N, C-alpha and C. Protein backbone atom coordinates (compact mmCIF):
# COMPACT_ATOMS: atom_id res chain seq x y z
N MET A 1 -96.32 55.48 114.48
CA MET A 1 -95.66 56.51 115.25
C MET A 1 -95.72 57.81 114.46
N ALA A 2 -96.16 58.84 115.14
CA ALA A 2 -96.20 60.17 114.54
C ALA A 2 -95.01 60.98 115.06
N HIS A 3 -94.66 62.02 114.33
CA HIS A 3 -93.58 62.91 114.75
C HIS A 3 -94.15 64.32 114.94
N PHE A 4 -93.75 64.96 116.04
CA PHE A 4 -94.25 66.27 116.39
C PHE A 4 -93.10 67.24 116.61
N ASP A 5 -93.43 68.54 116.56
CA ASP A 5 -92.46 69.58 116.90
C ASP A 5 -93.22 70.77 117.47
N LYS A 6 -92.50 71.86 117.77
CA LYS A 6 -93.14 72.99 118.43
C LYS A 6 -94.20 73.68 117.56
N ASN A 7 -94.26 73.36 116.28
CA ASN A 7 -95.29 73.92 115.41
C ASN A 7 -96.52 73.03 115.32
N SER A 8 -96.50 71.89 115.96
CA SER A 8 -97.64 70.96 115.94
C SER A 8 -98.75 71.47 116.85
N ASN A 9 -99.97 71.20 116.47
CA ASN A 9 -101.12 71.56 117.31
C ASN A 9 -101.07 70.86 118.66
N GLU A 10 -100.42 69.72 118.72
CA GLU A 10 -100.35 68.91 119.94
C GLU A 10 -99.34 69.44 120.96
N TYR A 11 -98.54 70.40 120.57
CA TYR A 11 -97.43 70.92 121.39
C TYR A 11 -97.93 71.63 122.65
N ASN A 12 -97.38 71.21 123.81
CA ASN A 12 -97.66 71.88 125.09
C ASN A 12 -96.42 72.54 125.67
N GLY A 13 -95.27 72.19 125.18
CA GLY A 13 -93.99 72.69 125.67
C GLY A 13 -92.91 71.72 125.23
N ASN A 14 -91.67 72.07 125.50
CA ASN A 14 -90.56 71.23 125.07
C ASN A 14 -90.72 69.79 125.60
N GLY A 15 -90.85 68.83 124.68
CA GLY A 15 -90.98 67.43 125.07
C GLY A 15 -92.32 67.08 125.68
N HIS A 16 -93.32 67.91 125.52
CA HIS A 16 -94.64 67.70 126.14
C HIS A 16 -95.73 67.92 125.10
N TYR A 17 -96.51 66.88 124.85
CA TYR A 17 -97.53 66.92 123.79
C TYR A 17 -98.82 66.27 124.27
N ASN A 18 -99.93 66.69 123.68
CA ASN A 18 -101.22 66.05 123.91
C ASN A 18 -101.63 65.44 122.57
N VAL A 19 -101.62 64.11 122.52
CA VAL A 19 -101.88 63.38 121.28
C VAL A 19 -103.14 62.54 121.45
N GLY A 20 -104.17 62.89 120.71
CA GLY A 20 -105.41 62.12 120.77
C GLY A 20 -106.01 62.06 122.16
N GLY A 21 -105.90 63.14 122.91
CA GLY A 21 -106.46 63.19 124.25
C GLY A 21 -105.58 62.57 125.31
N LYS A 22 -104.38 62.12 124.93
CA LYS A 22 -103.43 61.51 125.86
C LYS A 22 -102.21 62.40 125.99
N GLU A 23 -101.73 62.57 127.21
CA GLU A 23 -100.55 63.38 127.47
C GLU A 23 -99.28 62.54 127.28
N PHE A 24 -98.34 63.06 126.50
CA PHE A 24 -97.06 62.41 126.23
C PHE A 24 -95.93 63.34 126.64
N MET A 25 -94.84 62.74 127.14
CA MET A 25 -93.65 63.52 127.48
C MET A 25 -92.40 62.73 127.15
N SER A 26 -91.33 63.47 126.90
CA SER A 26 -90.03 62.84 126.82
C SER A 26 -89.58 62.50 128.24
N ILE A 27 -88.64 61.59 128.36
CA ILE A 27 -88.13 61.24 129.68
C ILE A 27 -87.50 62.47 130.34
N TRP A 28 -86.72 63.25 129.59
CA TRP A 28 -86.08 64.43 130.15
C TRP A 28 -87.11 65.40 130.72
N THR A 29 -88.18 65.66 129.97
CA THR A 29 -89.23 66.58 130.42
C THR A 29 -89.93 66.04 131.65
N PHE A 30 -90.26 64.75 131.64
CA PHE A 30 -90.94 64.13 132.77
C PHE A 30 -90.07 64.22 134.03
N LYS A 31 -88.79 63.89 133.89
CA LYS A 31 -87.89 63.95 135.04
C LYS A 31 -87.73 65.38 135.55
N ASN A 32 -87.65 66.34 134.65
CA ASN A 32 -87.58 67.75 135.08
C ASN A 32 -88.82 68.13 135.87
N LYS A 33 -89.98 67.75 135.39
CA LYS A 33 -91.24 68.10 136.05
C LYS A 33 -91.30 67.53 137.46
N HIS A 34 -90.80 66.30 137.62
CA HIS A 34 -90.89 65.61 138.91
C HIS A 34 -89.59 65.66 139.71
N LYS A 35 -88.62 66.43 139.22
CA LYS A 35 -87.33 66.60 139.89
C LYS A 35 -86.66 65.25 140.17
N LEU A 36 -86.67 64.36 139.17
CA LEU A 36 -86.04 63.05 139.28
C LEU A 36 -84.62 63.11 138.76
N THR A 37 -83.73 62.43 139.46
CA THR A 37 -82.34 62.35 139.03
C THR A 37 -81.90 60.89 139.05
N PRO A 38 -80.88 60.55 138.32
CA PRO A 38 -80.14 61.40 137.40
C PRO A 38 -80.97 61.67 136.14
N ASN A 39 -80.75 62.79 135.55
CA ASN A 39 -81.46 63.19 134.33
C ASN A 39 -80.40 63.60 133.30
N ASN A 40 -79.79 62.59 132.70
CA ASN A 40 -78.75 62.85 131.71
C ASN A 40 -78.91 61.92 130.52
N ASN A 41 -78.18 62.20 129.47
CA ASN A 41 -78.35 61.46 128.21
C ASN A 41 -78.13 59.97 128.36
N ASN A 42 -77.09 59.56 129.08
CA ASN A 42 -76.79 58.13 129.21
C ASN A 42 -77.89 57.38 129.94
N VAL A 43 -78.30 57.90 131.08
CA VAL A 43 -79.32 57.23 131.89
C VAL A 43 -80.67 57.29 131.18
N ASN A 44 -81.04 58.45 130.68
CA ASN A 44 -82.34 58.59 130.02
C ASN A 44 -82.42 57.70 128.77
N GLY A 45 -81.32 57.57 128.06
CA GLY A 45 -81.31 56.69 126.88
C GLY A 45 -81.54 55.25 127.25
N ALA A 46 -80.89 54.79 128.31
CA ALA A 46 -81.07 53.40 128.77
C ALA A 46 -82.49 53.17 129.27
N GLU A 47 -83.03 54.12 130.01
CA GLU A 47 -84.40 53.99 130.51
C GLU A 47 -85.40 54.03 129.36
N GLY A 48 -85.14 54.89 128.39
CA GLY A 48 -86.01 54.94 127.21
C GLY A 48 -86.00 53.62 126.46
N GLN A 49 -84.84 52.99 126.37
CA GLN A 49 -84.75 51.69 125.70
C GLN A 49 -85.56 50.64 126.46
N GLN A 50 -85.52 50.68 127.78
CA GLN A 50 -86.32 49.75 128.58
C GLN A 50 -87.81 49.95 128.33
N LEU A 51 -88.24 51.20 128.29
CA LEU A 51 -89.65 51.48 127.99
C LEU A 51 -90.00 51.01 126.58
N PHE A 52 -89.15 51.33 125.63
CA PHE A 52 -89.36 50.92 124.24
C PHE A 52 -89.50 49.41 124.13
N ASP A 53 -88.66 48.68 124.86
CA ASP A 53 -88.67 47.21 124.81
C ASP A 53 -89.96 46.61 125.36
N THR A 54 -90.69 47.35 126.20
CA THR A 54 -91.95 46.84 126.75
C THR A 54 -93.11 47.04 125.79
N LYS A 55 -92.82 47.62 124.63
CA LYS A 55 -93.83 47.83 123.57
C LYS A 55 -94.90 48.85 123.96
N VAL A 56 -94.54 49.84 124.78
CA VAL A 56 -95.50 50.90 125.10
C VAL A 56 -95.70 51.76 123.85
N GLU A 57 -96.81 52.43 123.83
CA GLU A 57 -97.09 53.38 122.75
C GLU A 57 -96.06 54.51 122.83
N PHE A 58 -95.61 55.00 121.70
CA PHE A 58 -94.68 56.12 121.70
C PHE A 58 -94.79 56.87 120.38
N HIS A 59 -94.29 58.07 120.40
CA HIS A 59 -94.14 58.90 119.21
C HIS A 59 -92.77 59.54 119.29
N SER A 60 -92.42 60.36 118.31
CA SER A 60 -91.17 61.09 118.38
C SER A 60 -91.46 62.58 118.26
N CYS A 61 -90.48 63.37 118.71
CA CYS A 61 -90.61 64.81 118.59
C CYS A 61 -89.23 65.42 118.36
N THR A 62 -89.23 66.62 117.84
CA THR A 62 -88.02 67.40 117.70
C THR A 62 -87.91 68.28 118.93
N PRO A 63 -86.84 68.10 119.73
CA PRO A 63 -86.68 68.95 120.92
C PRO A 63 -86.47 70.41 120.54
N ASP A 64 -86.88 71.30 121.41
CA ASP A 64 -86.70 72.73 121.17
C ASP A 64 -85.24 73.14 121.24
N PHE A 65 -84.43 72.38 121.97
CA PHE A 65 -83.01 72.68 122.10
C PHE A 65 -82.26 71.39 122.41
N GLY A 66 -80.95 71.46 122.40
CA GLY A 66 -80.12 70.28 122.67
C GLY A 66 -79.58 69.71 121.38
N GLY A 67 -78.82 68.66 121.50
CA GLY A 67 -78.11 68.10 120.36
C GLY A 67 -78.80 66.97 119.64
N PHE A 68 -80.07 66.73 119.89
CA PHE A 68 -80.77 65.62 119.27
C PHE A 68 -81.72 66.11 118.18
N ALA A 69 -81.74 65.39 117.06
CA ALA A 69 -82.68 65.72 115.98
C ALA A 69 -84.09 65.29 116.36
N SER A 70 -84.21 64.20 117.11
CA SER A 70 -85.51 63.74 117.59
C SER A 70 -85.32 62.88 118.83
N VAL A 71 -86.37 62.81 119.63
CA VAL A 71 -86.42 61.96 120.82
C VAL A 71 -87.79 61.31 120.87
N PHE A 72 -87.89 60.25 121.64
CA PHE A 72 -89.18 59.59 121.82
C PHE A 72 -89.96 60.26 122.93
N ILE A 73 -91.27 60.26 122.78
CA ILE A 73 -92.19 60.69 123.83
C ILE A 73 -93.10 59.53 124.15
N TYR A 74 -93.43 59.40 125.43
CA TYR A 74 -94.21 58.27 125.94
C TYR A 74 -95.45 58.78 126.68
N PRO A 75 -96.50 57.95 126.79
CA PRO A 75 -97.66 58.37 127.58
C PRO A 75 -97.23 58.66 129.02
N VAL A 76 -97.71 59.75 129.57
CA VAL A 76 -97.37 60.12 130.93
C VAL A 76 -97.77 59.01 131.90
N THR A 77 -98.88 58.34 131.67
CA THR A 77 -99.29 57.25 132.57
C THR A 77 -98.24 56.14 132.59
N GLU A 78 -97.63 55.84 131.45
CA GLU A 78 -96.58 54.82 131.40
C GLU A 78 -95.32 55.31 132.13
N LEU A 79 -94.98 56.58 131.98
CA LEU A 79 -93.84 57.15 132.69
C LEU A 79 -94.08 57.14 134.19
N GLU A 80 -95.29 57.47 134.61
CA GLU A 80 -95.63 57.43 136.04
C GLU A 80 -95.46 56.02 136.58
N ASN A 81 -95.93 55.03 135.84
CA ASN A 81 -95.77 53.63 136.29
C ASN A 81 -94.30 53.25 136.35
N TYR A 82 -93.55 53.59 135.34
CA TYR A 82 -92.14 53.22 135.28
C TYR A 82 -91.34 53.83 136.43
N TYR A 83 -91.61 55.10 136.73
CA TYR A 83 -90.85 55.81 137.77
C TYR A 83 -91.53 55.78 139.14
N GLY A 84 -92.67 55.11 139.24
CA GLY A 84 -93.35 54.97 140.53
C GLY A 84 -93.92 56.25 141.08
N ILE A 85 -94.43 57.08 140.20
CA ILE A 85 -95.04 58.37 140.61
C ILE A 85 -96.53 58.18 140.83
């Protein structure tokens, strides 16, 4: 697992990165992009744990704002499958 932030070459925007030719997003960023609700810390944390438990590829990043030192980012294709997009 690699860690990224807004100074990384992979940075595309808050919670959005391109890593090794693959697009990664945090759950919050993905839900914002697709206007999915609920989009809050409790729900997103539980959903992130479910994704984590399936052993999907993930990395971490430092969010541009908010109260978290780091969050996980997942392949967009895995997020699309999980949320049925």
